[in-house]
C-alpha atoms as a PDB file:
ATOM      1  CA  MET A   1     159.826  -0.785  24.247  1.00  0.00           C
ATOM      2  CA  VAL A   2     163.520  -1.011  23.257  1.00  0.00           C
ATOM      3  CA  LYS A   3     163.797  -5.643  22.247  1.00  0.00           C
ATOM      4  CA  GLY A   4     166.140  -6.047  20.128  1.00  0.00           C
ATOM      5  CA  PRO A   5     168.607  -3.497  18.413  1.00  0.00           C
ATOM      6  CA  GLN A   6     166.956  -0.128  17.507  1.00  0.00           C
ATOM      7  CA  ILE A   7     167.762   3.309  16.119  1.00  0.00           C
ATOM      8  CA  TYR A   8     167.635   6.143  18.694  1.00  0.00           C
ATOM      9  CA  THR A   9     167.390   9.012  16.745  1.00  0.00           C
ATOM     10  CA  ALA A  10     167.682  12.740  18.852  1.00  0.00           C
ATOM     11  CA  ARG A  11     168.698  16.070  18.805  1.00  0.00           C
ATOM     12  CA  VAL A  12     171.305  17.562  20.694  1.00  0.00           C
ATOM     13  CA  MET A  13     171.379  21.420  22.005  1.00  0.00           C
ATOM     14  CA  HIS A  14     174.350  22.372  24.422  1.00  0.00           C
ATOM     15  CA  LYS A  15     173.930  26.153  25.839  1.00  0.00           C
ATOM     16  CA  ARG A  16     176.625  27.791  27.535  1.00  0.00           C
ATOM     17  CA  LEU A  17     175.517  30.657  29.772  1.00  0.00           C
ATOM     18  CA  PHE A  18     178.351  32.872  30.996  1.00  0.00           C
ATOM     19  CA  PRO A  19     180.699  33.970  30.424  1.00  0.00           C
ATOM     20  CA  LYS A  20     179.558  34.838  26.902  1.00  0.00           C
ATOM     21  CA  GLU A  21     176.237  33.125  26.133  1.00  0.00           C
ATOM     22  CA  ASN A  22     176.151  30.256  23.088  1.00  0.00           C
ATOM     23  CA  THR A  23     173.704  27.846  22.223  1.00  0.00           C
ATOM     24  CA  PHE A  24     173.813  25.249  19.339  1.00  0.00           C
ATOM     25  CA  SER A  25     171.793  22.359  18.213  1.00  0.00           C
ATOM     26  CA  TYR A  26     172.073  19.058  15.588  1.00  0.00           C
ATOM     27  CA  GLY A  27     170.133  16.349  15.119  1.00  0.00           C
ATOM     28  CA  VAL A  28     172.033  13.118  15.458  1.00  0.00           C
ATOM     29  CA  TYR A  29     171.369   9.027  15.785  1.00  0.00           C
ATOM     30  CA  TYR A  30     172.760   6.114  17.654  1.00  0.00           C
ATOM     31  CA  MET A  31     172.451   3.054  18.068  1.00  0.00           C
ATOM     32  CA  ALA A  32     170.400   1.495  20.971  1.00  0.00           C
ATOM     33  CA  LEU A  33     171.776  -2.377  21.799  1.00  0.00           C
ATOM     34  CA  PRO A  34     170.821  -4.666  24.574  1.00  0.00           C
ATOM     35  CA  LEU A  35     173.813  -6.691  25.572  1.00  0.00           C
ATOM     36  CA  PRO A  36     175.304  -8.697  24.672  1.00  0.00           C
ATOM     37  CA  ALA A  37     175.724  -6.994  21.089  1.00  0.00           C
ATOM     38  CA  GLU A  38     177.101  -8.878  18.030  1.00  0.00           C
ATOM     39  CA  THR A  39     179.332  -6.724  16.067  1.00  0.00           C
ATOM     40  CA  ILE A  40     177.685  -5.116  13.656  1.00  0.00           C
ATOM     41  CA  SER A  41     178.279  -4.005   9.653  1.00  0.00           C
ATOM     42  CA  SER A  42     176.779  -2.600   7.578  1.00  0.00           C
ATOM     43  CA  VAL A  43     177.039   0.051   4.711  1.00  0.00           C
ATOM     44  CA  TRP A  44     175.126   2.375   6.790  1.00  0.00           C
ATOM     45  CA  GLY A  45     177.087   2.246   9.822  1.00  0.00           C
ATOM     46  CA  THR A  46     178.781  -0.291  12.275  1.00  0.00           C
ATOM     47  CA  PHE A  47     179.179  -1.660  15.739  1.00  0.00           C
ATOM     48  CA  ASP A  48     182.745  -2.525  16.660  1.00  0.00           C
ATOM     49  CA  PRO A  49     182.942  -3.337  20.388  1.00  0.00           C
ATOM     50  CA  HIS A  50     186.568  -1.992  20.134  1.00  0.00           C
ATOM     51  CA  ASP A  51     185.119   1.211  20.339  1.00  0.00           C
ATOM     52  CA  VAL A  52     183.200   1.156  23.674  1.00  0.00           C
ATOM     53  CA  GLY A  53     184.201  -0.612  27.362  1.00  0.00           C
ATOM     54  CA  TYR A  54     187.292  -1.789  27.288  1.00  0.00           C
ATOM     55  CA  ARG A  55     188.037  -1.466  24.224  1.00  0.00           C
ATOM     56  CA  ASP A  56     189.628  -4.404  23.644  1.00  0.00           C
ATOM     57  CA  GLY A  57     187.040  -6.618  21.404  1.00  0.00           C
ATOM     58  CA  ARG A  58     184.763  -7.813  24.654  1.00  0.00           C
ATOM     59  CA  ASP A  59     181.534  -7.269  24.628  1.00  0.00           C
ATOM     60  CA  PRO A  60     180.720  -4.310  26.852  1.00  0.00           C
ATOM     61  CA  LEU A  61     178.302  -5.777  28.764  1.00  0.00           C
ATOM     62  CA  GLU A  62     181.783  -7.361  30.860  1.00  0.00           C
ATOM     63  CA  TRP A  63     182.553  -4.211  31.363  1.00  0.00           C
ATOM     64  CA  VAL A  64     179.751  -2.684  32.686  1.00  0.00           C
ATOM     65  CA  ARG A  65     178.669  -5.730  34.643  1.00  0.00           C
ATOM     66  CA  ASP A  66     182.068  -4.976  36.716  1.00  0.00           C
ATOM     67  CA  ILE A  67     180.921  -1.561  37.171  1.00  0.00           C
ATOM     68  CA  LEU A  68     177.546  -2.142  38.771  1.00  0.00           C
ATOM     69  CA  SER A  69     179.056  -4.715  40.844  1.00  0.00           C
ATOM     70  CA  ALA A  70     181.585  -2.821  42.495  1.00  0.00           C
ATOM     71  CA  GLN A  71     178.437  -0.470  43.812  1.00  0.00           C
ATOM     72  CA  GLY A  72     176.166  -3.474  44.712  1.00  0.00           C
ATOM     73  CA  LEU A  73     173.838  -2.785  41.752  1.00  0.00           C
ATOM     74  CA  SER A  74     174.094  -6.263  39.573  1.00  0.00           C
ATOM     75  CA  GLU A  75     171.171  -7.932  41.811  1.00  0.00           C
ATOM     76  CA  HIS A  76     168.794  -5.088  41.146  1.00  0.00           C
ATOM     77  CA  VAL A  77     169.765  -5.027  36.980  1.00  0.00           C
ATOM     78  CA  HIS A  78     168.690  -7.224  34.519  1.00  0.00           C
ATOM     79  CA  THR A  79     168.812  -5.994  31.266  1.00  0.00           C
ATOM     80  CA  ILE A  80     171.234  -3.604  29.641  1.00  0.00           C
ATOM     81  CA  ILE A  81     170.730  -0.736  26.730  1.00  0.00           C
ATOM     82  CA  LEU A  82     173.779   0.568  25.046  1.00  0.00           C
ATOM     83  CA  ILE A  83     173.107   3.473  23.136  1.00  0.00           C
ATOM     84  CA  THR A  84     176.413   4.704  21.016  1.00  0.00           C
ATOM     85  CA  MET A  85     177.031   6.212  17.789  1.00  0.00           C
ATOM     86  CA  PRO A  86     177.492   3.886  15.066  1.00  0.00           C
ATOM     87  CA  LYS A  87     181.186   4.083  13.521  1.00  0.00           C
ATOM     88  CA  VAL A  88     180.351   5.535   9.934  1.00  0.00           C
ATOM     89  CA  LEU A  89     182.944   4.600   6.966  1.00  0.00           C
ATOM     90  CA  GLY A  90     185.684   3.407   9.290  1.00  0.00           C
ATOM     91  CA  TYR A  91     185.171   6.465  11.350  1.00  0.00           C
ATOM     92  CA  VAL A  92     183.739   7.198  15.005  1.00  0.00           C
ATOM     93  CA  PHE A  93     183.689   9.787  17.832  1.00  0.00           C
ATOM     94  CA  ASN A  94     181.355   9.266  20.971  1.00  0.00           C
ATOM     95  CA  PRO A  95     181.233  12.144  23.122  1.00  0.00           C
ATOM     96  CA  VAL A  96     179.461  10.251  25.595  1.00  0.00           C
ATOM     97  CA  SER A  97     177.713   6.834  25.343  1.00  0.00           C
ATOM     98  CA  PHE A  98     174.829   5.833  27.866  1.00  0.00           C
ATOM     99  CA  TYR A  99     174.219   2.398  29.268  1.00  0.00           C
ATOM    100  CA  LEU A 100     170.729   2.084  30.522  1.00  0.00           C
ATOM    101  CA  CYS A 101     170.498  -0.204  33.351  1.00  0.00           C
ATOM    102  CA  LEU A 102     167.347  -1.596  33.627  1.00  0.00           C
ATOM    103  CA  ASP A 103     165.363  -4.068  36.268  1.00  0.00           C
ATOM    104  CA  THR A 104     162.823  -6.748  35.871  1.00  0.00           C
ATOM    105  CA  GLN A 105     159.895  -3.932  35.423  1.00  0.00           C
ATOM    106  CA  ASN A 106     162.154  -2.420  32.719  1.00  0.00           C
ATOM    107  CA  ALA A 107     162.735   0.466  35.853  1.00  0.00           C
ATOM    108  CA  LEU A 108     165.564   2.602  35.250  1.00  0.00           C
ATOM    109  CA  ARG A 109     167.728   1.894  38.283  1.00  0.00           C
ATOM    110  CA  ALA A 110     171.081   3.377  37.071  1.00  0.00           C
ATOM    111  CA  VAL A 111     173.119   4.936  33.832  1.00  0.00           C
ATOM    112  CA  VAL A 112     176.693   4.334  32.979  1.00  0.00           C
ATOM    113  CA  CYS A 113     177.844   7.594  31.100  1.00  0.00           C
ATOM    114  CA  GLU A 114     181.094   6.870  29.136  1.00  0.00           C
ATOM    115  CA  VAL A 115     182.836  10.216  28.442  1.00  0.00           C
ATOM    116  CA  HIS A 116     185.607  10.298  25.431  1.00  0.00           C
ATOM    117  CA  ASN A 117     187.204  13.649  24.877  1.00  0.00           C
ATOM    118  CA  THR A 118     188.813  14.687  21.636  1.00  0.00           C
ATOM    119  CA  PHE A 119     192.337  13.720  23.171  1.00  0.00           C
ATOM    120  CA  GLY A 120     191.503  10.086  22.817  1.00  0.00           C
ATOM    121  CA  GLU A 121     190.716   9.703  26.968  1.00  0.00           C
ATOM    122  CA  GLN A 122     187.464   8.335  28.653  1.00  0.00           C
ATOM    123  CA  HIS A 123     186.110   8.646  31.347  1.00  0.00           C
ATOM    124  CA  SER A 124     182.648   7.538  33.147  1.00  0.00           C
ATOM    125  CA  TYR A 125     180.005   8.885  35.191  1.00  0.00           C
ATOM    126  CA  VAL A 126     177.781   6.049  37.580  1.00  0.00           C
ATOM    127  CA  CYS A 127     174.586   7.659  37.832  1.00  0.00           C
ATOM    128  CA  PHE A 128     172.105   5.717  40.635  1.00  0.00           C
ATOM    129  CA  HIS A 129     170.583   6.568  43.948  1.00  0.00           C
ATOM    130  CA  ALA A 130     172.378   5.944  47.221  1.00  0.00           C
ATOM    131  CA  ASP A 131     169.626   3.331  48.473  1.00  0.00           C
ATOM    132  CA  HIS A 132     169.609   1.608  44.703  1.00  0.00           C
ATOM    133  CA  ARG A 133     166.228   2.354  43.955  1.00  0.00           C
ATOM    134  CA  PRO A 134     164.826   3.527  40.345  1.00  0.00           C
ATOM    135  CA  LEU A 135     165.738   6.765  39.178  1.00  0.00           C
ATOM    136  CA  ASP A 136     162.729   8.779  38.223  1.00  0.00           C
ATOM    137  CA  SER A 137     162.953  11.849  35.969  1.00  0.00           C
ATOM    138  CA  GLU A 138     162.418  14.684  38.000  1.00  0.00           C
ATOM    139  CA  THR A 139     165.533  14.124  40.277  1.00  0.00           C
ATOM    140  CA  TRP A 140     169.009  15.189  39.168  1.00  0.00           C
ATOM    141  CA  ILE A 141     171.604  12.884  40.236  1.00  0.00           C
ATOM    142  CA  CYS A 142     174.570  15.067  41.506  1.00  0.00           C
ATOM    143  CA  GLY A 143     178.723  14.270  41.082  1.00  0.00           C
ATOM    144  CA  GLN A 144     182.307  16.187  40.855  1.00  0.00           C
ATOM    145  CA  LYS A 145     183.194  16.902  37.589  1.00  0.00           C
ATOM    146  CA  VAL A 146     186.897  15.045  37.069  1.00  0.00           C
ATOM    147  CA  PHE A 147     187.444  14.732  33.385  1.00  0.00           C
ATOM    148  CA  HIS A 148     188.761  17.342  30.696  1.00  0.00           C
ATOM    149  CA  VAL A 149     186.751  17.858  28.123  1.00  0.00           C
ATOM    150  CA  SER A 150     186.031  20.932  26.738  1.00  0.00           C
ATOM    151  CA  PRO A 151     189.704  23.589  26.852  1.00  0.00           C
ATOM    152  CA  PHE A 152     186.815  26.254  27.966  1.00  0.00           C
ATOM    153  CA  LEU A 153     185.905  24.535  31.239  1.00  0.00           C
ATOM    154  CA  GLU A 154     187.886  23.662  34.176  1.00  0.00           C
ATOM    155  CA  ARG A 155     188.285  20.432  35.226  1.00  0.00           C
ATOM    156  CA  ASN A 156     186.130  21.232  38.463  1.00  0.00           C
ATOM    157  CA  GLY A 157     182.600  21.973  40.079  1.00  0.00           C
ATOM    158  CA  THR A 158     180.227  19.405  39.335  1.00  0.00           C
ATOM    159  CA  TYR A 159     177.461  17.653  37.170  1.00  0.00           C
ATOM    160  CA  ARG A 160     173.858  17.119  37.502  1.00  0.00           C
ATOM    161  CA  PHE A 161     172.136  14.320  35.400  1.00  0.00           C
ATOM    162  CA  ARG A 162     168.470  13.784  34.910  1.00  0.00           C
ATOM    163  CA  PHE A 163     167.412  11.149  33.169  1.00  0.00           C
ATOM    164  CA  ASP A 164     163.356   9.964  31.773  1.00  0.00           C
ATOM    165  CA  TRP A 165     163.309   6.821  30.609  1.00  0.00           C
ATOM    166  CA  GLN A 166     159.794   6.020  28.431  1.00  0.00           C
ATOM    167  CA  GLU A 167     160.402   3.177  26.859  1.00  0.00           C
ATOM    168  CA  ASP A 168     159.766   4.381  23.596  1.00  0.00           C
ATOM    169  CA  ARG A 169     161.945   7.681  24.049  1.00  0.00           C
ATOM    170  CA  LEU A 170     164.598   8.818  26.450  1.00  0.00           C
ATOM    171  CA  GLY A 171     165.879  12.402  27.422  1.00  0.00           C
ATOM    172  CA  VAL A 172     168.819  13.329  29.089  1.00  0.00           C
ATOM    173  CA  TRP A 173     169.980  16.358  30.504  1.00  0.00           C
ATOM    174  CA  ILE A 174     173.124  17.122  31.902  1.00  0.00           C
ATOM    175  CA  ASP A 175     173.916  20.417  33.467  1.00  0.00           C
ATOM    176  CA  TYR A 176     177.511  21.665  34.694  1.00  0.00           C
ATOM    177  CA  TYR A 177     178.061  23.838  37.975  1.00  0.00           C
ATOM    178  CA  ASP A 178     181.424  25.742  37.919  1.00  0.00           C
ATOM    179  CA  GLU A 179     183.466  25.662  41.693  1.00  0.00           C
ATOM    180  CA  ASN A 180     180.793  28.282  43.042  1.00  0.00           C
ATOM    181  CA  ASP A 181     178.181  26.852  42.122  1.00  0.00           C
ATOM    182  CA  ASN A 182     176.986  28.679  39.383  1.00  0.00           C
ATOM    183  CA  LYS A 183     174.917  26.860  36.577  1.00  0.00           C
ATOM    184  CA  GLN A 184     177.513  27.660  33.447  1.00  0.00           C
ATOM    185  CA  LEU A 185     176.661  24.772  30.864  1.00  0.00           C
ATOM    186  CA  ILE A 186     173.389  23.165  29.831  1.00  0.00           C
ATOM    187  CA  THR A 187     173.324  20.016  27.955  1.00  0.00           C
ATOM    188  CA  ALA A 188     170.515  17.791  26.681  1.00  0.00           C
ATOM    189  CA  LEU A 189     169.629  15.075  24.172  1.00  0.00           C
ATOM    190  CA  TRP A 190     165.985  13.594  23.485  1.00  0.00           C
ATOM    191  CA  GLY A 191     164.483  11.544  20.998  1.00  0.00           C
ATOM    192  CA  THR A 192     162.590   8.095  20.271  1.00  0.00           C
ATOM    193  CA  PHE A 193     163.713   4.826  19.090  1.00  0.00           C
ATOM    194  CA  SER A 194     162.568   2.797  16.160  1.00  0.00           C
ATOM    195  CA  PRO A 195     164.006  -0.558  15.015  1.00  0.00           C
ATOM    196  CA  LEU A 196     167.389  -0.968  13.247  1.00  0.00           C
ATOM    197  CA  THR A 197     166.099  -2.382  10.034  1.00  0.00           C
ATOM    198  CA  LYS A 198     167.658  -1.129   7.334  1.00  0.00           C
ATOM    199  CA  LYS A 199     165.545   0.738   5.979  1.00  0.00           C
ATOM    200  CA  ASN A 200     165.062   2.860   9.212  1.00  0.00           C
ATOM    201  CA  TRP A 201     169.036   2.853   9.328  1.00  0.00           C
ATOM    202  CA  ARG A 202     168.955   4.277   5.929  1.00  0.00           C
ATOM    203  CA  LEU A 203     166.544   6.555   6.503  1.00  0.00           C
ATOM    204  CA  ALA A 204     168.585   7.648   9.588  1.00  0.00           C
ATOM    205  CA  PHE A 205     172.159   8.227   7.872  1.00  0.00           C
ATOM    206  CA  TRP A 206     170.423  10.327   5.079  1.00  0.00           C
ATOM    207  CA  ARG A 207     168.885  12.220   7.555  1.00  0.00           C
ATOM    208  CA  HIS A 208     172.138  12.836   9.276  1.00  0.00           C
ATOM    209  CA  PRO A 209     174.735  11.922   7.011  1.00  0.00           C
ATOM    210  CA  LEU A 210     178.621  11.240   8.184  1.00  0.00           C
ATOM    211  CA  VAL A 211     176.684  11.862  11.851  1.00  0.00           C
ATOM    212  CA  THR A 212     180.114  10.624  13.473  1.00  0.00           C
ATOM    213  CA  LEU A 213     182.505  13.335  11.344  1.00  0.00           C
ATOM    214  CA  LYS A 214     179.692  16.066  12.030  1.00  0.00           C
ATOM    215  CA  ALA A 215     179.801  15.638  15.613  1.00  0.00           C
ATOM    216  CA  ILE A 216     183.377  16.484  15.516  1.00  0.00           C
ATOM    217  CA  VAL A 217     183.365  18.977  13.532  1.00  0.00           C
ATOM    218  CA  LEU A 218     180.465  21.185  15.519  1.00  0.00           C
ATOM    219  CA  ILE A 219     182.922  20.401  18.551  1.00  0.00           C
ATOM    220  CA  HIS A 220     185.422  22.282  16.400  1.00  0.00           C
ATOM    221  CA  ARG A 221     183.635  24.787  15.148  1.00  0.00           C
ATOM    222  CA  GLN A 222     182.226  25.559  18.818  1.00  0.00           C
ATOM    223  CA  ALA A 223     185.678  25.921  20.156  1.00  0.00           C
ATOM    224  CA  LEU A 224     186.863  28.373  17.019  1.00  0.00           C
ATOM    225  CA  ARG A 225     183.633  30.166  17.907  1.00  0.00           C
ATOM    226  CA  LEU A 226     184.478  30.639  21.695  1.00  0.00           C
ATOM    227  CA  ALA A 227     187.969  31.661  21.035  1.00  0.00           C
ATOM    228  CA  LEU A 228     186.520  34.405  18.578  1.00  0.00           C
ATOM    229  CA  TYR A 229     184.631  35.408  21.894  1.00  0.00           C
ATOM    230  CA  GLY A 230     187.791  35.795  23.819  1.00  0.00           C
ATOM    231  CA  ILE A 231     186.965  32.952  26.231  1.00  0.00           C
ATOM    232  CA  GLY A 232     190.446  31.574  27.639  1.00  0.00           C
ATOM    233  CA  TYR A 233     191.973  28.496  26.964  1.00  0.00           C
ATOM    234  CA  LYS A 234     192.904  26.038  29.709  1.00  0.00           C
ATOM    235  CA  PRO A 235     195.707  23.738  28.753  1.00  0.00           C
ATOM    236  CA  LYS A 236     194.673  19.725  29.307  1.00  0.00           C
ATOM    237  CA  PRO A 237     195.474  18.420  32.950  1.00  0.00           C
ATOM    238  CA  THR A 238     197.476  15.021  33.438  1.00  0.00           C
ATOM    239  CA  GLN A 239     194.314  12.179  33.432  1.00  0.00           C
ATOM    240  CA  ARG A 240     193.066  11.229  36.743  1.00  0.00           C
ATOM    241  CA  PRO A 241     193.828   7.403  37.343  1.00  0.00           C
ATOM    242  CA  ASP A 242     190.602   6.465  38.503  1.00  0.00           C
ATOM    243  CA  THR A 243     188.545   6.402  35.299  1.00  0.00           C
ATOM    244  CA  VAL A 244     185.108   5.587  36.786  1.00  0.00           C
ATOM    245  CA  SER A 245     183.549   7.882  39.263  1.00  0.00           C
ATOM    246  CA  VAL A 246     180.475   7.921  41.400  1.00  0.00           C
ATOM    247  CA  CYS A 247     177.519  10.361  41.417  1.00  0.00           C
ATOM    248  CA  GLU A 248     174.642   9.260  43.299  1.00  0.00           C
ATOM    249  CA  GLY A 249     173.975  12.498  45.657  1.00  0.00           C
ATOM    250  CA  GLN A 250     170.243  14.122  44.420  1.00  0.00           C
ATOM    251  CA  LYS A 251     169.099  17.600  44.630  1.00  0.00           C
ATOM    252  CA  THR A 252     165.534  17.757  43.249  1.00  0.00           C
ATOM    253  CA  ASP A 253     165.805  21.818  42.753  1.00  0.00           C
ATOM    254  CA  VAL A 254     168.186  23.073  40.288  1.00  0.00           C
END
């Protein structure tokens, strides 16, 4: 059970299905922080509230609570755990941070996925059931793709999210379907939690050194590979003004 700051050690997998199949995976680690969270500064990494939420130095608890309140979820949520990459040697890039929103029984009621692209923009997808019942590990939550992430994918179509929260481990699956409802991209993240002690953090650091730099380097390396495959480049559109969108439809067969 996540009590106090934790390290979430995980594996990330991306698989593009067409027009050229391309798969890659890599090891990674995140901080898992019950909110509110104090600033953490260590030789092994840093948590800085300027990197998430409102990005103005306020604890991200205020930001995520505002989002939950707008969807009528506040009364169902007791604990919020932020899963985010640390800043390492002064650098951080978080492709996506997750806010696990738990009720008094530690059941998962909602997940806020805070997505950043390489252009410095941010958008968040709020995943929950319309009737506010807990999220289970079998149901996919659907929402429109409205944020530009990859220059090799259109900014349209849909995402389907699935979460498997077991208190000592977490699995996340995010599939992308194009505008014709063809599954084009599969993304998965799965791993386990351990206390954020100096020893565990040191082990994670040396197992996955410079993890945030690794993430951005791999993103650009895969982009180069896709370009060499001849997959067309999609220019970045102007970001839409609404930086939060709701994903509450559900689909159980994919």
